[in-house]
Structures are given as structure tokens and as C-alpha cells.
Amino acid sequence: MSVQQVVFGFGAHTGIDDGPELLRTVQQADRDGLDIFSLSDHPYIGGRLDAYAAIGFILGGTRQIAGFANVSNLPSRPAPLLARAVTSLSALSGGRVVLGLGAGGLWDRISDLGVPRLSAGDAVDAFEEAIVLVKKLSGGGPPVTYRGRFYQVNQIEPAPVAAPPVWTGSVGPKSLAATGRVADGWIPGHAADWRSERYRQSRPVIDEAAAAVGRDPREIRTVYNFTGNITDRPLAATRDHTGRWLGGSVDQWIEELTGAVLEHDASGFILFSASGGAQDIVSVGRWANEIVPAVREAIAKDDRQTAGR
């Protein structure tokens, strides 16, 4: 796996009052060479910034970093309009957007918005249709007519902009299989990582579904939402009794993430605060300047050694 394929970013807080600090943190991350930032999407919470308004605003104030909703609340964002939003952001930012997509959680709150409640199975079917439709409504070509169970589109012109990569937050076997058939990446739920039972049980479902429709499973990247503290001294144990990563020194982070890429095919890491609160600018700076460059160099060194064999 080459260094260009591995992305490094961070997850940001989206409170209404956090806008100025959020912009400063992403601008620093942009200058420091991080690849991506992510915002949560909870449109039923009045104290949160709208994810897509915030992403657009921040992309306008940055140069290289990409943004995405981790993950988009699909039931409240109909696929044809979501397609327009992400292709517009892509056009305005020079392609610096990823479409994070989920089938929908917290249905009690979603239905409070007036969105019709779907069963779990129907929500996944609508999710798969949405991914297909977003891609059909991107990249130019003749008008699209689509007749699905949940989406019906009649003679709508696609945007003359390529669809962004689609990364899903799939959890159950049905949505994991949909990811394998039609998506471009997967973010394991509940911040599970490459050593977790969730990953070991889930990734084969994606791979088998991809192979069944003639796709190369390796094309579907695994990007991890990853929490942990960056400490000044090494920790005696970097994982707790359940196996969840706690963090550690810079060298411990570098060793863990390099192994994740080279031994477990990880292709991206989104750093979140271990406390679950706002990601602080100091930690993002240490992540971007001390850990990420060293992991990139270790991966590149392995690539060079592999190429020389």
C-alpha cells in the first residue's frame, strides 16, 4: 500500500459557538498537511452547526484539506439533493469532499423532524439506493430516470462533476454487504479498530459482497475513527482490558498506526478526542506534526523496500 492511499484527519466538534475555533483548527490542520476533517451530522439538535453549511464554509477558508460529514444523516437528506450538495462542494473546492453516509440512527429524533420512520431493513435498502443514485447524478451524461423502492427520479440532468468517494458507517450485515456492492470506503462503527472483533467479523462481509458483483475488495478502503491520548511518556499499556486503544507516546502511536497499515491494510485514520468532546488544537498539532509524518515515512520506506525486492 503506497503512502498516497493512506489518509490522516481529525473529527471536529460542531457546536454553534465553536465556529471560530473550528475554523482555526481546520486551517492549522490544512497548513500542517492533514488530509481531511470530519463533522457529525445531527440536524435534530438545535445547538449544532449544520454539517454541510459548516463544511462549505470551512472549505472556503482552506486550500488542501478535504471535508466530510461523519456520517450524513441520510433520512433527513434525500439522495438527489445530497448529490447536488456534494457535487457542488466538489466543484467549488477542487474535489476536496468525501460523502460519508449512514442508513440512519436515532430514529426517534429523526422522526421528530417529520421524516417517515423506516424499518431497519428498509432503511438499509434506501441507503443502497441512495449511493447508486448519487453516483448516477454525478459525472455528466444523459438525464437520469431512476425507479427504486424509495427514490424515483425522472429525467434529471447529472452534475458535470464526478461523484466524491462514498464512505459508509455500516454496522449490520445487510448494510455491510451494501457497502461491498456500491461504496468506496467503510468506517467501522463504535470507533472499532483493526484489532477488534467487530472488524474481524464485519470486513469479510464487505469483501464477499464486493467479490460477488465483480469488484476488487481492495478498492474499498477502511478508514478508522480513532480515539486516544497523545502522552509525553510511554504508557505501560496502550490498550485497556477490552483491547480498546488508550493512546501513548508519539513513538507508540507511530508503531501502532504503521502496523495497522502494513499488517492490517488500514487506509485512513480520523483522530477524535479521547474525552468525546471538542478536539483541541494542541492535540491536532501534535498529531499532524509529530505522528502523521513519521507514519507516512515508515509506510513509504516499506514501499521502497518492497519495490526493491
Protein backbone atom coordinates (compact mmCIF):
# COMPACT_ATOMS: atom_id res chain seq x y z
CA MET A 1 0.00 0.00 0.00
CA SER A 2 1.50 3.35 -1.00
CA VAL A 3 1.65 6.41 1.20
CA GLN A 4 -0.72 8.28 -1.15
CA GLN A 5 -3.53 5.87 -0.31
CA VAL A 6 -3.49 6.45 3.44
CA VAL A 7 -5.39 9.49 4.71
CA PHE A 8 -5.00 11.23 8.05
CA GLY A 9 -7.50 13.61 9.56
CA PHE A 10 -9.43 14.55 12.66
CA GLY A 11 -13.01 14.77 13.86
CA ALA A 12 -14.17 18.18 14.99
CA HIS A 13 -16.85 19.46 17.35
CA THR A 14 -19.87 21.16 15.77
CA GLY A 15 -21.49 23.33 18.44
CA ILE A 16 -22.94 26.65 17.25
CA ASP A 17 -20.46 28.61 19.40
CA ASP A 18 -17.48 26.55 18.22
CA GLY A 19 -17.37 28.01 14.72
CA PRO A 20 -14.38 30.36 15.07
CA GLU A 21 -12.25 27.78 16.94
CA LEU A 22 -13.31 25.07 14.50
CA LEU A 23 -12.18 27.18 11.55
CA ARG A 24 -8.85 27.97 13.22
CA THR A 25 -8.22 24.30 13.98
CA VAL A 26 -9.00 23.15 10.45
CA GLN A 27 -6.87 25.93 8.97
CA GLN A 28 -3.97 24.82 11.14
CA ALA A 29 -4.54 21.21 10.10
CA ASP A 30 -4.58 22.36 6.47
CA ARG A 31 -1.24 24.15 6.87
CA ASP A 32 0.19 21.14 8.71
CA GLY A 33 -0.67 18.74 5.89
CA LEU A 34 -3.59 16.73 7.23
CA ASP A 35 -5.82 15.26 4.54
CA ILE A 36 -9.34 15.54 5.91
CA PHE A 37 -11.60 16.84 8.66
CA SER A 38 -14.98 15.45 9.63
CA LEU A 39 -18.10 16.83 11.28
CA SER A 40 -21.04 14.95 12.75
CA ASP A 41 -24.50 15.36 11.20
CA HIS A 42 -27.35 15.65 13.73
CA PRO A 43 -29.89 18.05 12.22
CA TYR A 44 -32.39 17.48 15.05
CA ILE A 45 -30.04 19.12 17.61
CA GLY A 46 -30.54 22.87 17.62
CA GLY A 47 -27.20 23.60 19.27
CA ARG A 48 -25.19 22.03 16.46
CA LEU A 49 -23.93 23.63 13.28
CA ASP A 50 -25.45 22.15 10.15
CA ALA A 51 -22.78 19.80 8.86
CA TYR A 52 -22.94 20.79 5.19
CA ALA A 53 -23.16 24.53 5.85
CA ALA A 54 -20.11 24.23 8.11
CA ILE A 55 -18.17 22.06 5.66
CA GLY A 56 -18.79 24.51 2.83
CA PHE A 57 -17.76 27.48 4.97
CA ILE A 58 -14.56 25.78 6.12
CA LEU A 59 -13.58 24.55 2.66
CA GLY A 60 -13.83 28.15 1.52
CA GLY A 61 -11.20 29.10 4.10
CA THR A 62 -8.72 26.30 3.36
CA ARG A 63 -6.59 25.16 0.43
CA GLN A 64 -5.79 21.45 0.54
CA ILE A 65 -7.73 19.66 3.26
CA ALA A 66 -10.93 17.78 2.39
CA GLY A 67 -14.11 17.64 4.46
CA PHE A 68 -16.92 15.19 5.09
CA ALA A 69 -19.90 14.52 7.30
CA ASN A 70 -19.09 11.54 9.51
CA VAL A 71 -21.69 10.35 8.55
CA SER A 72 -24.50 12.12 6.70
CA ASN A 73 -27.94 11.63 8.20
CA LEU A 74 -29.45 10.20 5.04
CA PRO A 75 -33.12 10.04 6.09
CA SER A 76 -33.12 13.82 6.53
CA ARG A 77 -31.12 14.49 3.34
CA PRO A 78 -32.85 12.99 0.26
CA ALA A 79 -30.34 11.45 -2.12
CA PRO A 80 -30.99 13.66 -5.18
CA LEU A 81 -30.44 16.81 -3.09
CA LEU A 82 -27.45 15.27 -1.34
CA ALA A 83 -25.98 14.57 -4.77
CA ARG A 84 -26.37 18.26 -5.65
CA ALA A 85 -24.76 19.31 -2.38
CA VAL A 86 -21.67 17.12 -2.63
CA THR A 87 -21.04 17.72 -6.34
CA SER A 88 -21.39 21.47 -5.73
CA LEU A 89 -18.93 21.31 -2.84
CA SER A 90 -16.58 19.30 -5.03
CA ALA A 91 -16.79 21.83 -7.85
CA LEU A 92 -16.24 24.78 -5.51
CA SER A 93 -13.36 23.21 -3.58
CA GLY A 94 -11.47 21.44 -6.35
CA GLY A 95 -12.63 17.97 -5.33
CA ARG A 96 -11.99 18.30 -1.58
CA VAL A 97 -15.02 16.42 -0.33
CA VAL A 98 -15.98 12.88 0.67
CA LEU A 99 -19.56 11.69 1.08
CA GLY A 100 -19.91 9.94 4.43
CA LEU A 101 -23.20 8.09 4.53
CA GLY A 102 -25.23 6.10 7.03
CA ALA A 103 -28.61 4.40 6.85
CA GLY A 104 -29.82 6.42 9.85
CA GLY A 105 -29.68 6.00 13.59
CA LEU A 106 -31.60 7.62 16.45
CA TRP A 107 -34.88 7.17 14.62
CA ASP A 108 -36.89 8.70 17.47
CA ARG A 109 -35.09 12.00 16.87
CA ILE A 110 -35.11 11.65 13.09
CA SER A 111 -38.87 11.13 13.07
CA ASP A 112 -39.22 14.26 15.23
CA LEU A 113 -38.16 16.16 12.10
CA GLY A 114 -41.22 14.82 10.30
CA VAL A 115 -39.24 12.19 8.42
CA PRO A 116 -41.21 8.95 7.92
CA ARG A 117 -39.81 6.17 10.11
CA LEU A 118 -38.36 3.21 8.25
CA SER A 119 -37.74 -0.30 9.48
CA ALA A 120 -34.09 -1.30 9.81
CA GLY A 121 -34.26 -3.37 6.62
CA ASP A 122 -35.98 -0.64 4.62
CA ALA A 123 -33.51 1.96 5.87
CA VAL A 124 -30.63 -0.13 4.51
CA ASP A 125 -32.39 -0.63 1.17
CA ALA A 126 -32.92 3.13 0.93
CA PHE A 127 -29.25 3.65 1.85
CA GLU A 128 -28.06 1.43 -1.01
CA GLU A 129 -30.42 3.11 -3.46
CA ALA A 130 -29.09 6.48 -2.32
CA ILE A 131 -25.48 5.59 -3.06
CA VAL A 132 -26.41 4.31 -6.51
CA LEU A 133 -28.46 7.43 -7.24
CA VAL A 134 -25.80 9.90 -6.05
CA LYS A 135 -23.34 8.28 -8.44
CA LYS A 136 -25.85 8.33 -11.30
CA LEU A 137 -26.47 12.03 -10.72
CA SER A 138 -22.75 12.82 -10.97
CA GLY A 139 -20.20 12.81 -13.75
CA GLY A 140 -22.32 14.18 -16.58
CA GLY A 141 -24.13 12.18 -19.21
CA PRO A 142 -27.77 11.97 -20.30
CA PRO A 143 -30.70 12.74 -17.99
CA VAL A 144 -31.33 10.11 -15.34
CA THR A 145 -34.57 8.29 -14.74
CA TYR A 146 -34.47 6.02 -11.71
CA ARG A 147 -37.24 3.88 -10.31
CA GLY A 148 -36.37 2.43 -6.93
CA ARG A 149 -38.49 1.48 -3.94
CA PHE A 150 -37.56 4.64 -2.10
CA TYR A 151 -36.29 7.03 -4.76
CA GLN A 152 -37.94 7.93 -8.04
CA VAL A 153 -36.20 10.40 -10.32
CA ASN A 154 -37.48 11.49 -13.71
CA GLN A 155 -35.19 12.94 -16.39
CA ILE A 156 -32.84 14.79 -14.03
CA GLU A 157 -29.56 16.02 -15.51
CA PRO A 158 -26.47 14.77 -13.68
CA ALA A 159 -23.98 17.33 -12.42
CA PRO A 160 -20.94 17.57 -14.74
CA VAL A 161 -18.77 16.75 -11.72
CA ALA A 162 -17.53 13.34 -10.63
CA ALA A 163 -19.14 11.83 -7.57
CA PRO A 164 -16.96 12.07 -4.48
CA PRO A 165 -15.83 8.87 -2.78
CA VAL A 166 -18.59 7.36 -0.63
CA TRP A 167 -17.54 6.08 2.80
CA THR A 168 -20.20 4.38 4.89
CA GLY A 169 -20.75 3.85 8.59
CA SER A 170 -22.27 0.40 8.05
CA VAL A 171 -22.71 -1.85 11.08
CA GLY A 172 -25.16 -4.70 10.39
CA PRO A 173 -24.57 -7.48 7.85
CA LYS A 174 -27.10 -6.13 5.35
CA SER A 175 -25.58 -2.64 5.27
CA LEU A 176 -22.06 -4.08 5.23
CA ALA A 177 -22.99 -6.07 2.12
CA ALA A 178 -24.39 -2.91 0.53
CA THR A 179 -21.07 -1.19 1.23
CA GLY A 180 -19.29 -4.00 -0.57
CA ARG A 181 -21.54 -3.69 -3.60
CA VAL A 182 -21.67 0.06 -4.13
CA ALA A 183 -19.47 2.13 -1.75
CA ASP A 184 -15.82 3.17 -1.81
CA GLY A 185 -14.91 3.01 1.85
CA TRP A 186 -16.05 1.84 5.27
CA ILE A 187 -15.77 3.47 8.71
CA PRO A 188 -16.24 0.76 11.36
CA GLY A 189 -18.92 1.67 13.89
CA HIS A 190 -18.36 2.46 17.57
CA ALA A 191 -14.74 3.52 16.86
CA ALA A 192 -13.78 -0.13 16.41
CA ASP A 193 -10.26 -0.66 15.13
CA TRP A 194 -8.28 -3.32 13.26
CA ARG A 195 -7.78 -5.46 16.37
CA SER A 196 -11.47 -5.55 17.28
CA GLU A 197 -13.88 -8.43 16.92
CA ARG A 198 -16.25 -6.05 15.11
CA TYR A 199 -13.67 -5.52 12.38
CA ARG A 200 -12.80 -9.22 12.11
CA GLN A 201 -16.45 -10.18 11.70
CA SER A 202 -17.52 -7.27 9.51
CA ARG A 203 -14.82 -6.78 6.91
CA PRO A 204 -15.27 -10.26 5.34
CA VAL A 205 -18.96 -9.44 4.73
CA ILE A 206 -17.91 -6.38 2.73
CA ASP A 207 -15.26 -8.30 0.81
CA GLU A 208 -17.57 -11.19 -0.08
CA ALA A 209 -20.32 -8.85 -1.29
CA ALA A 210 -17.82 -6.88 -3.38
CA ALA A 211 -16.40 -10.02 -4.99
CA ALA A 212 -19.91 -11.31 -5.72
CA VAL A 213 -20.58 -8.33 -8.02
CA GLY A 214 -17.13 -8.42 -9.64
CA ARG A 215 -15.46 -5.70 -7.57
CA ASP A 216 -11.96 -5.91 -6.16
CA PRO A 217 -12.47 -5.75 -2.36
CA ARG A 218 -9.14 -3.95 -2.02
CA GLU A 219 -10.71 -0.92 -3.69
CA ILE A 220 -12.92 -0.39 -0.64
CA ARG A 221 -10.78 1.37 1.91
CA THR A 222 -11.17 1.03 5.68
CA VAL A 223 -10.91 4.37 7.48
CA TYR A 224 -10.95 4.36 11.27
CA ASN A 225 -12.49 6.85 13.66
CA PHE A 226 -9.76 6.59 16.28
CA THR A 227 -9.63 7.99 19.81
CA GLY A 228 -6.70 8.19 22.20
CA ASN A 229 -4.43 10.45 24.20
CA ILE A 230 -1.01 11.57 23.00
CA THR A 231 1.19 11.40 26.11
CA ASP A 232 4.63 12.81 26.79
CA ARG A 233 5.88 9.49 28.16
CA PRO A 234 5.26 5.92 27.02
CA LEU A 235 2.36 4.10 28.64
CA ALA A 236 2.87 0.68 30.19
CA ALA A 237 -0.28 -0.47 28.37
CA THR A 238 -1.60 1.22 25.24
CA ARG A 239 -4.88 -0.77 25.30
CA ASP A 240 -7.37 -1.46 28.06
CA HIS A 241 -8.65 -4.86 29.21
CA THR A 242 -11.19 -4.92 26.36
CA GLY A 243 -8.49 -4.28 23.77
CA ARG A 244 -9.52 -0.69 23.04
CA TRP A 245 -6.69 1.72 22.24
CA LEU A 246 -5.95 4.22 25.00
CA GLY A 247 -3.10 6.11 23.37
CA GLY A 248 0.51 6.53 24.33
CA SER A 249 3.68 8.37 23.43
CA VAL A 250 4.39 9.61 19.94
CA ASP A 251 6.57 6.56 19.27
CA GLN A 252 3.83 4.23 20.48
CA TRP A 253 1.32 5.88 18.17
CA ILE A 254 3.73 5.62 15.23
CA GLU A 255 4.36 1.94 15.85
CA GLU A 256 0.65 1.14 16.20
CA LEU A 257 -0.52 3.03 13.13
CA THR A 258 2.31 1.84 10.91
CA GLY A 259 1.46 -1.74 11.85
CA ALA A 260 -2.21 -1.07 11.14
CA VAL A 261 -1.36 -0.04 7.59
CA LEU A 262 1.31 -2.61 6.78
CA GLU A 263 -0.21 -5.60 8.57
CA HIS A 264 -3.96 -4.90 8.56
CA ASP A 265 -4.49 -2.84 5.37
CA ALA A 266 -5.78 0.24 7.18
CA SER A 267 -6.10 3.13 4.75
CA GLY A 268 -7.09 6.06 6.92
CA PHE A 269 -7.33 7.43 10.45
CA ILE A 270 -9.64 10.15 11.78
CA LEU A 271 -8.44 11.29 15.20
CA PHE A 272 -11.07 12.05 17.83
CA SER A 273 -10.70 13.36 21.35
CA ALA A 274 -10.49 10.58 23.92
CA SER A 275 -12.96 12.51 26.10
CA GLY A 276 -15.57 12.70 23.35
CA GLY A 277 -15.57 16.50 23.46
CA ALA A 278 -14.07 19.08 21.14
CA GLN A 279 -10.74 18.17 19.62
CA ASP A 280 -8.19 20.64 20.95
CA ILE A 281 -5.85 22.49 18.64
CA VAL A 282 -2.72 21.35 20.53
CA SER A 283 -3.51 17.65 20.08
CA VAL A 284 -4.33 18.17 16.41
CA GLY A 285 -0.98 19.93 16.01
CA ARG A 286 0.92 17.08 17.67
CA TRP A 287 -0.98 14.54 15.56
CA ALA A 288 -0.20 16.43 12.36
CA ASN A 289 3.43 17.34 13.08
CA GLU A 290 4.82 14.51 15.20
CA ILE A 291 2.87 11.35 14.40
CA VAL A 292 1.47 11.59 10.86
CA PRO A 293 4.75 12.47 9.04
CA ALA A 294 6.58 9.62 10.78
CA VAL A 295 3.86 7.10 9.87
CA ARG A 296 3.88 8.32 6.28
CA GLU A 297 7.65 7.93 6.12
CA ALA A 298 7.54 4.43 7.62
CA ILE A 299 4.95 3.38 5.03
CA ALA A 300 6.95 4.96 2.21
CA LYS A 301 10.11 3.22 3.41
CA ASP A 302 8.31 -0.14 3.34
CA ASP A 303 7.05 0.65 -0.18
CA ARG A 304 10.61 1.41 -1.32
CA GLN A 305 11.93 -1.78 0.21
CA THR A 306 9.13 -3.81 -1.36
CA ALA A 307 9.76 -2.25 -4.78
CA GLY A 308 13.48 -3.05 -4.50
CA ARG A 309 12.99 -6.73 -3.85
